[in-house]
Amino acid sequence: MAKIFGADQDQAITRRVVGTYGYMSPEYAMEGLFSVKYDVYSFGILVLEIISGRKNNSYYLENSVNLIGHVWDLWKPDKALT
């Protein structure tokens, strides 16, 4: 995504959203707004997958928590390292 921008651009809006939903930033998936930070978000998802040993694939299942929801549930009660 970051390759799309010109030298003086750092964000844009599109009506055609493409990609894998589990790796899209929420701004891009819901509003079509993307920036150079989009790649950072996707990379962060990959890092969470590596650290947790869980794939981010439950985003399409009903009543299921995706990887970010799972990590957030662990982080809130300080269970991240247990």
PDB file of N, CA and C in Angstrom:
ATOM      1  N   MET A   1       0.803  -1.192   0.000  1.00  0.00           N
ATOM      2  CA  MET A   1       0.000   0.000   0.000  1.00  0.00           C
ATOM      3  C   MET A   1       0.849   1.260   0.000  1.00  0.00           C
ATOM      4  N   ALA A   2       1.911   1.259   0.769  1.00  0.00           N
ATOM      5  CA  ALA A   2       2.723   2.460   0.882  1.00  0.00           C
ATOM      6  C   ALA A   2       3.330   2.856  -0.458  1.00  0.00           C
ATOM      7  N   LYS A   3       3.479   1.927  -1.376  1.00  0.00           N
ATOM      8  CA  LYS A   3       4.061   2.227  -2.683  1.00  0.00           C
ATOM      9  C   LYS A   3       3.127   3.056  -3.557  1.00  0.00           C
ATOM     10  N   ILE A   4       1.853   3.127  -3.220  1.00  0.00           N
ATOM     11  CA  ILE A   4       0.863   3.846  -4.020  1.00  0.00           C
ATOM     12  C   ILE A   4       1.062   5.358  -3.950  1.00  0.00           C
ATOM     13  N   PHE A   5       1.555   5.858  -2.851  1.00  0.00           N
ATOM     14  CA  PHE A   5       1.633   7.293  -2.615  1.00  0.00           C
ATOM     15  C   PHE A   5       2.739   7.961  -3.414  1.00  0.00           C
ATOM     16  N   GLY A   6       2.498   9.231  -3.766  1.00  0.00           N
ATOM     17  CA  GLY A   6       3.526  10.050  -4.377  1.00  0.00           C
ATOM     18  C   GLY A   6       4.464  10.581  -3.306  1.00  0.00           C
ATOM     19  N   ALA A   7       5.454  11.335  -3.707  1.00  0.00           N
ATOM     20  CA  ALA A   7       6.464  11.838  -2.775  1.00  0.00           C
ATOM     21  C   ALA A   7       5.873  12.763  -1.719  1.00  0.00           C
ATOM     22  N   ASP A   8       4.829  13.514  -2.058  1.00  0.00           N
ATOM     23  CA  ASP A   8       4.268  14.481  -1.111  1.00  0.00           C
ATOM     24  C   ASP A   8       2.985  13.991  -0.435  1.00  0.00           C
ATOM     25  N   GLN A   9       2.573  12.751  -0.660  1.00  0.00           N
ATOM     26  CA  GLN A   9       1.345  12.221  -0.063  1.00  0.00           C
ATOM     27  C   GLN A   9       1.654  11.291   1.096  1.00  0.00           C
ATOM     28  N   ASP A  10       0.794  11.319   2.102  1.00  0.00           N
ATOM     29  CA  ASP A  10       0.935  10.347   3.185  1.00  0.00           C
ATOM     30  C   ASP A  10      -0.385   9.648   3.507  1.00  0.00           C
ATOM     31  N   GLN A  11      -1.489  10.045   2.832  1.00  0.00           N
ATOM     32  CA  GLN A  11      -2.760   9.340   2.984  1.00  0.00           C
ATOM     33  C   GLN A  11      -3.663   9.623   1.795  1.00  0.00           C
ATOM     34  N   ALA A  12      -4.696   8.793   1.621  1.00  0.00           N
ATOM     35  CA  ALA A  12      -5.655   8.942   0.529  1.00  0.00           C
ATOM     36  C   ALA A  12      -6.933   8.198   0.908  1.00  0.00           C
ATOM     37  N   ILE A  13      -7.963   8.365   0.084  1.00  0.00           N
ATOM     38  CA  ILE A  13      -9.240   7.686   0.305  1.00  0.00           C
ATOM     39  C   ILE A  13      -9.604   6.941  -0.975  1.00  0.00           C
ATOM     40  N   THR A  14     -10.150   5.746  -0.825  1.00  0.00           N
ATOM     41  CA  THR A  14     -10.580   4.960  -1.973  1.00  0.00           C
ATOM     42  C   THR A  14     -11.969   4.398  -1.726  1.00  0.00           C
ATOM     43  N   ARG A  15     -12.700   4.140  -2.799  1.00  0.00           N
ATOM     44  CA  ARG A  15     -14.006   3.498  -2.680  1.00  0.00           C
ATOM     45  C   ARG A  15     -13.886   1.993  -2.869  1.00  0.00           C
ATOM     46  N   ARG A  16     -12.783   1.560  -3.428  1.00  0.00           N
ATOM     47  CA  ARG A  16     -12.583   0.131  -3.705  1.00  0.00           C
ATOM     48  C   ARG A  16     -11.601  -0.440  -2.690  1.00  0.00           C
ATOM     49  N   VAL A  17     -12.128  -1.088  -1.686  1.00  0.00           N
ATOM     50  CA  VAL A  17     -11.310  -1.670  -0.623  1.00  0.00           C
ATOM     51  C   VAL A  17     -10.956  -3.096  -1.020  1.00  0.00           C
ATOM     52  N   VAL A  18      -9.656  -3.401  -1.053  1.00  0.00           N
ATOM     53  CA  VAL A  18      -9.191  -4.745  -1.403  1.00  0.00           C
ATOM     54  C   VAL A  18      -8.184  -5.213  -0.367  1.00  0.00           C
ATOM     55  N   GLY A  19      -8.109  -6.514  -0.180  1.00  0.00           N
ATOM     56  CA  GLY A  19      -7.152  -7.074   0.763  1.00  0.00           C
ATOM     57  C   GLY A  19      -7.807  -8.118   1.646  1.00  0.00           C
ATOM     58  N   THR A  20      -7.056  -8.626   2.587  1.00  0.00           N
ATOM     59  CA  THR A  20      -7.545  -9.625   3.530  1.00  0.00           C
ATOM     60  C   THR A  20      -8.017  -8.905   4.785  1.00  0.00           C
ATOM     61  N   TYR A  21      -9.278  -9.067   5.141  1.00  0.00           N
ATOM     62  CA  TYR A  21      -9.867  -8.296   6.231  1.00  0.00           C
ATOM     63  C   TYR A  21      -9.112  -8.407   7.550  1.00  0.00           C
ATOM     64  N   GLY A  22      -8.578  -9.534   7.873  1.00  0.00           N
ATOM     65  CA  GLY A  22      -7.872  -9.700   9.138  1.00  0.00           C
ATOM     66  C   GLY A  22      -6.608  -8.873   9.261  1.00  0.00           C
ATOM     67  N   TYR A  23      -6.102  -8.387   8.131  1.00  0.00           N
ATOM     68  CA  TYR A  23      -4.856  -7.629   8.136  1.00  0.00           C
ATOM     69  C   TYR A  23      -5.056  -6.162   7.770  1.00  0.00           C
ATOM     70  N   MET A  24      -6.287  -5.771   7.473  1.00  0.00           N
ATOM     71  CA  MET A  24      -6.577  -4.376   7.122  1.00  0.00           C
ATOM     72  C   MET A  24      -6.724  -3.532   8.370  1.00  0.00           C
ATOM     73  N   SER A  25      -6.254  -2.306   8.298  1.00  0.00           N
ATOM     74  CA  SER A  25      -6.498  -1.393   9.412  1.00  0.00           C
ATOM     75  C   SER A  25      -7.992  -1.075   9.434  1.00  0.00           C
ATOM     76  N   PRO A  26      -8.552  -0.811  10.609  1.00  0.00           N
ATOM     77  CA  PRO A  26      -9.991  -0.509  10.685  1.00  0.00           C
ATOM     78  C   PRO A  26     -10.397   0.691   9.831  1.00  0.00           C
ATOM     79  N   GLU A  27      -9.546   1.702   9.749  1.00  0.00           N
ATOM     80  CA  GLU A  27      -9.868   2.892   8.951  1.00  0.00           C
ATOM     81  C   GLU A  27     -10.015   2.540   7.478  1.00  0.00           C
ATOM     82  N   TYR A  28      -9.155   1.662   7.004  1.00  0.00           N
ATOM     83  CA  TYR A  28      -9.210   1.259   5.598  1.00  0.00           C
ATOM     84  C   TYR A  28     -10.411   0.355   5.335  1.00  0.00           C
ATOM     85  N   ALA A  29     -10.639  -0.621   6.191  1.00  0.00           N
ATOM     86  CA  ALA A  29     -11.731  -1.575   5.989  1.00  0.00           C
ATOM     87  C   ALA A  29     -13.098  -0.903   6.046  1.00  0.00           C
ATOM     88  N   MET A  30     -13.276   0.067   6.940  1.00  0.00           N
ATOM     89  CA  MET A  30     -14.599   0.668   7.134  1.00  0.00           C
ATOM     90  C   MET A  30     -14.823   1.938   6.322  1.00  0.00           C
ATOM     91  N   GLU A  31     -13.770   2.729   6.123  1.00  0.00           N
ATOM     92  CA  GLU A  31     -13.945   4.034   5.495  1.00  0.00           C
ATOM     93  C   GLU A  31     -13.183   4.212   4.196  1.00  0.00           C
ATOM     94  N   GLY A  32     -12.297   3.263   3.851  1.00  0.00           N
ATOM     95  CA  GLY A  32     -11.506   3.398   2.635  1.00  0.00           C
ATOM     96  C   GLY A  32     -10.339   4.350   2.786  1.00  0.00           C
ATOM     97  N   LEU A  33     -10.055   4.785   4.008  1.00  0.00           N
ATOM     98  CA  LEU A  33      -8.950   5.710   4.267  1.00  0.00           C
ATOM     99  C   LEU A  33      -7.682   4.903   4.499  1.00  0.00           C
ATOM    100  N   PHE A  34      -6.672   5.141   3.687  1.00  0.00           N
ATOM    101  CA  PHE A  34      -5.424   4.428   3.892  1.00  0.00           C
ATOM    102  C   PHE A  34      -4.255   5.399   3.889  1.00  0.00           C
ATOM    103  N   SER A  35      -3.207   4.986   4.545  1.00  0.00           N
ATOM    104  CA  SER A  35      -2.007   5.809   4.650  1.00  0.00           C
ATOM    105  C   SER A  35      -0.802   4.894   4.737  1.00  0.00           C
ATOM    106  N   VAL A  36       0.370   5.492   4.898  1.00  0.00           N
ATOM    107  CA  VAL A  36       1.587   4.690   5.037  1.00  0.00           C
ATOM    108  C   VAL A  36       1.540   3.875   6.325  1.00  0.00           C
ATOM    109  N   LYS A  37       0.695   4.259   7.266  1.00  0.00           N
ATOM    110  CA  LYS A  37       0.561   3.526   8.527  1.00  0.00           C
ATOM    111  C   LYS A  37      -0.175   2.201   8.340  1.00  0.00           C
ATOM    112  N   TYR A  38      -0.854   2.022   7.218  1.00  0.00           N
ATOM    113  CA  TYR A  38      -1.574   0.786   6.928  1.00  0.00           C
ATOM    114  C   TYR A  38      -0.618  -0.403   6.969  1.00  0.00           C
ATOM    115  N   ASP A  39       0.552  -0.261   6.370  1.00  0.00           N
ATOM    116  CA  ASP A  39       1.540  -1.340   6.361  1.00  0.00           C
ATOM    117  C   ASP A  39       2.026  -1.660   7.769  1.00  0.00           C
ATOM    118  N   VAL A  40       2.139  -0.647   8.619  1.00  0.00           N
ATOM    119  CA  VAL A  40       2.572  -0.854  10.004  1.00  0.00           C
ATOM    120  C   VAL A  40       1.525  -1.674  10.753  1.00  0.00           C
ATOM    121  N   TYR A  41       0.257  -1.382  10.545  1.00  0.00           N
ATOM    122  CA  TYR A  41      -0.823  -2.141  11.186  1.00  0.00           C
ATOM    123  C   TYR A  41      -0.760  -3.606  10.753  1.00  0.00           C
ATOM    124  N   SER A  42      -0.632  -3.849   9.465  1.00  0.00           N
ATOM    125  CA  SER A  42      -0.562  -5.221   8.957  1.00  0.00           C
ATOM    126  C   SER A  42       0.640  -5.960   9.525  1.00  0.00           C
ATOM    127  N   PHE A  43       1.772  -5.279   9.616  1.00  0.00           N
ATOM    128  CA  PHE A  43       2.969  -5.885  10.193  1.00  0.00           C
ATOM    129  C   PHE A  43       2.734  -6.221  11.667  1.00  0.00           C
ATOM    130  N   GLY A  44       2.052  -5.348  12.384  1.00  0.00           N
ATOM    131  CA  GLY A  44       1.734  -5.596  13.790  1.00  0.00           C
ATOM    132  C   GLY A  44       0.880  -6.839  13.969  1.00  0.00           C
ATOM    133  N   ILE A  45      -0.061  -7.056  13.058  1.00  0.00           N
ATOM    134  CA  ILE A  45      -0.886  -8.267  13.108  1.00  0.00           C
ATOM    135  C   ILE A  45      -0.007  -9.500  12.923  1.00  0.00           C
ATOM    136  N   LEU A  46       0.938  -9.430  11.991  1.00  0.00           N
ATOM    137  CA  LEU A  46       1.854 -10.562  11.781  1.00  0.00           C
ATOM    138  C   LEU A  46       2.688 -10.838  13.025  1.00  0.00           C
ATOM    139  N   VAL A  47       3.163  -9.780  13.683  1.00  0.00           N
ATOM    140  CA  VAL A  47       3.953  -9.947  14.911  1.00  0.00           C
ATOM    141  C   VAL A  47       3.104 -10.597  16.001  1.00  0.00           C
ATOM    142  N   LEU A  48       1.854 -10.158  16.150  1.00  0.00           N
ATOM    143  CA  LEU A  48       0.959 -10.766  17.141  1.00  0.00           C
ATOM    144  C   LEU A  48       0.717 -12.244  16.835  1.00  0.00           C
ATOM    145  N   GLU A  49       0.597 -12.585  15.551  1.00  0.00           N
ATOM    146  CA  GLU A  49       0.422 -13.990  15.182  1.00  0.00           C
ATOM    147  C   GLU A  49       1.638 -14.818  15.586  1.00  0.00           C
ATOM    148  N   ILE A  50       2.819 -14.284  15.355  1.00  0.00           N
ATOM    149  CA  ILE A  50       4.053 -14.998  15.694  1.00  0.00           C
ATOM    150  C   ILE A  50       4.177 -15.174  17.197  1.00  0.00           C
ATOM    151  N   ILE A  51       3.942 -14.102  17.948  1.00  0.00           N
ATOM    152  CA  ILE A  51       4.096 -14.146  19.407  1.00  0.00           C
ATOM    153  C   ILE A  51       3.048 -15.050  20.058  1.00  0.00           C
ATOM    154  N   SER A  52       1.803 -14.945  19.601  1.00  0.00           N
ATOM    155  CA  SER A  52       0.718 -15.691  20.248  1.00  0.00           C
ATOM    156  C   SER A  52       0.585 -17.126  19.747  1.00  0.00           C
ATOM    157  N   GLY A  53       1.100 -17.399  18.569  1.00  0.00           N
ATOM    158  CA  GLY A  53       0.918 -18.721  17.987  1.00  0.00           C
ATOM    159  C   GLY A  53      -0.476 -18.935  17.434  1.00  0.00           C
ATOM    160  N   ARG A  54      -1.257 -17.857  17.331  1.00  0.00           N
ATOM    161  CA  ARG A  54      -2.632 -17.914  16.817  1.00  0.00           C
ATOM    162  C   ARG A  54      -2.728 -17.176  15.503  1.00  0.00           C
ATOM    163  N   LYS A  55      -3.459 -17.736  14.553  1.00  0.00           N
ATOM    164  CA  LYS A  55      -3.688 -17.027  13.298  1.00  0.00           C
ATOM    165  C   LYS A  55      -4.866 -16.072  13.468  1.00  0.00           C
ATOM    166  N   ASN A  56      -4.832 -15.002  12.729  1.00  0.00           N
ATOM    167  CA  ASN A  56      -5.920 -14.028  12.763  1.00  0.00           C
ATOM    168  C   ASN A  56      -6.963 -14.428  11.723  1.00  0.00           C
ATOM    169  N   ASN A  57      -7.641 -15.543  11.964  1.00  0.00           N
ATOM    170  CA  ASN A  57      -8.591 -16.028  10.972  1.00  0.00           C
ATOM    171  C   ASN A  57     -10.019 -16.126  11.476  1.00  0.00           C
ATOM    172  N   SER A  58     -10.288 -15.756  12.712  1.00  0.00           N
ATOM    173  CA  SER A  58     -11.653 -15.865  13.234  1.00  0.00           C
ATOM    174  C   SER A  58     -12.467 -14.606  12.985  1.00  0.00           C
ATOM    175  N   TYR A  59     -11.954 -13.677  12.188  1.00  0.00           N
ATOM    176  CA  TYR A  59     -12.681 -12.445  11.914  1.00  0.00           C
ATOM    177  C   TYR A  59     -13.925 -12.697  11.075  1.00  0.00           C
ATOM    178  N   TYR A  60     -14.025 -13.839  10.432  1.00  0.00           N
ATOM    179  CA  TYR A  60     -15.189 -14.127   9.611  1.00  0.00           C
ATOM    180  C   TYR A  60     -16.193 -15.057  10.291  1.00  0.00           C
ATOM    181  N   LEU A  61     -15.874 -15.562  11.466  1.00  0.00           N
ATOM    182  CA  LEU A  61     -16.784 -16.449  12.183  1.00  0.00           C
ATOM    183  C   LEU A  61     -17.696 -15.644  13.105  1.00  0.00           C
ATOM    184  N   GLU A  62     -18.954 -16.000  13.146  1.00  0.00           N
ATOM    185  CA  GLU A  62     -19.911 -15.291  13.993  1.00  0.00           C
ATOM    186  C   GLU A  62     -19.646 -15.611  15.464  1.00  0.00           C
ATOM    187  N   ASN A  63     -19.768 -14.629  16.334  1.00  0.00           N
ATOM    188  CA  ASN A  63     -19.564 -14.765  17.785  1.00  0.00           C
ATOM    189  C   ASN A  63     -18.167 -15.267  18.142  1.00  0.00           C
ATOM    190  N   SER A  64     -17.197 -14.864  17.403  1.00  0.00           N
ATOM    191  CA  SER A  64     -15.835 -15.313  17.635  1.00  0.00           C
ATOM    192  C   SER A  64     -14.936 -14.090  17.787  1.00  0.00           C
ATOM    193  N   VAL A  65     -13.960 -14.184  18.666  1.00  0.00           N
ATOM    194  CA  VAL A  65     -13.056 -13.064  18.914  1.00  0.00           C
ATOM    195  C   VAL A  65     -11.859 -13.188  17.979  1.00  0.00           C
ATOM    196  N   ASN A  66     -11.541 -12.099  17.278  1.00  0.00           N
ATOM    197  CA  ASN A  66     -10.372 -12.133  16.410  1.00  0.00           C
ATOM    198  C   ASN A  66      -9.099 -12.009  17.242  1.00  0.00           C
ATOM    199  N   LEU A  67      -7.967 -12.028  16.596  1.00  0.00           N
ATOM    200  CA  LEU A  67      -6.690 -12.005  17.297  1.00  0.00           C
ATOM    201  C   LEU A  67      -6.534 -10.748  18.148  1.00  0.00           C
ATOM    202  N   ILE A  68      -6.921  -9.601  17.634  1.00  0.00           N
ATOM    203  CA  ILE A  68      -6.784  -8.358  18.396  1.00  0.00           C
ATOM    204  C   ILE A  68      -7.678  -8.390  19.628  1.00  0.00           C
ATOM    205  N   GLY A  69      -8.901  -8.886  19.481  1.00  0.00           N
ATOM    206  CA  GLY A  69      -9.794  -9.017  20.634  1.00  0.00           C
ATOM    207  C   GLY A  69      -9.236  -9.969  21.670  1.00  0.00           C
ATOM    208  N   HIS A  70      -8.648 -11.067  21.212  1.00  0.00           N
ATOM    209  CA  HIS A  70      -8.044 -12.043  22.123  1.00  0.00           C
ATOM    210  C   HIS A  70      -6.874 -11.420  22.887  1.00  0.00           C
ATOM    211  N   VAL A  71      -5.993 -10.726  22.184  1.00  0.00           N
ATOM    212  CA  VAL A  71      -4.839 -10.086  22.828  1.00  0.00           C
ATOM    213  C   VAL A  71      -5.309  -9.012  23.800  1.00  0.00           C
ATOM    214  N   TRP A  72      -6.320  -8.244  23.413  1.00  0.00           N
ATOM    215  CA  TRP A  72      -6.834  -7.187  24.293  1.00  0.00           C
ATOM    216  C   TRP A  72      -7.443  -7.782  25.560  1.00  0.00           C
ATOM    217  N   ASP A  73      -8.168  -8.899  25.427  1.00  0.00           N
ATOM    218  CA  ASP A  73      -8.741  -9.570  26.605  1.00  0.00           C
ATOM    219  C   ASP A  73      -7.650 -10.034  27.560  1.00  0.00           C
ATOM    220  N   LEU A  74      -6.526 -10.484  27.029  1.00  0.00           N
ATOM    221  CA  LEU A  74      -5.403 -10.893  27.875  1.00  0.00           C
ATOM    222  C   LEU A  74      -4.702  -9.691  28.501  1.00  0.00           C
ATOM    223  N   TRP A  75      -4.629  -8.597  27.763  1.00  0.00           N
ATOM    224  CA  TRP A  75      -3.895  -7.414  28.225  1.00  0.00           C
ATOM    225  C   TRP A  75      -4.615  -6.710  29.370  1.00  0.00           C
ATOM    226  N   LYS A  76      -5.928  -6.585  29.296  1.00  0.00           N
ATOM    227  CA  LYS A  76      -6.694  -5.838  30.299  1.00  0.00           C
ATOM    228  C   LYS A  76      -6.502  -6.368  31.714  1.00  0.00           C
ATOM    229  N   PRO A  77      -6.661  -7.654  31.981  1.00  0.00           N
ATOM    230  CA  PRO A  77      -6.469  -8.121  33.365  1.00  0.00           C
ATOM    231  C   PRO A  77      -5.018  -8.505  33.668  1.00  0.00           C
ATOM    232  N   ASP A  78      -4.081  -7.997  32.890  1.00  0.00           N
ATOM    233  CA  ASP A  78      -2.651  -8.275  33.089  1.00  0.00           C
ATOM    234  C   ASP A  78      -2.327  -9.762  32.998  1.00  0.00           C
ATOM    235  N   LYS A  79      -2.968 -10.463  32.074  1.00  0.00           N
ATOM    236  CA  LYS A  79      -2.681 -11.875  31.863  1.00  0.00           C
ATOM    237  C   LYS A  79      -1.777 -12.088  30.655  1.00  0.00           C
ATOM    238  N   ALA A  80      -1.215 -11.029  30.105  1.00  0.00           N
ATOM    239  CA  ALA A  80      -0.457 -11.126  28.860  1.00  0.00           C
ATOM    240  C   ALA A  80       0.760 -12.029  28.981  1.00  0.00           C
ATOM    241  N   LEU A  81       1.393 -12.087  30.134  1.00  0.00           N
ATOM    242  CA  LEU A  81       2.608 -12.877  30.282  1.00  0.00           C
ATOM    243  C   LEU A  81       2.377 -14.216  30.957  1.00  0.00           C
ATOM    244  N   THR A  82       1.131 -14.558  31.242  1.00  0.00           N
ATOM    245  CA  THR A  82       0.879 -15.827  31.935  1.00  0.00           C
ATOM    246  C   THR A  82       0.509 -16.921  30.976  1.00  0.00           C
TER     247      THR A  82
END
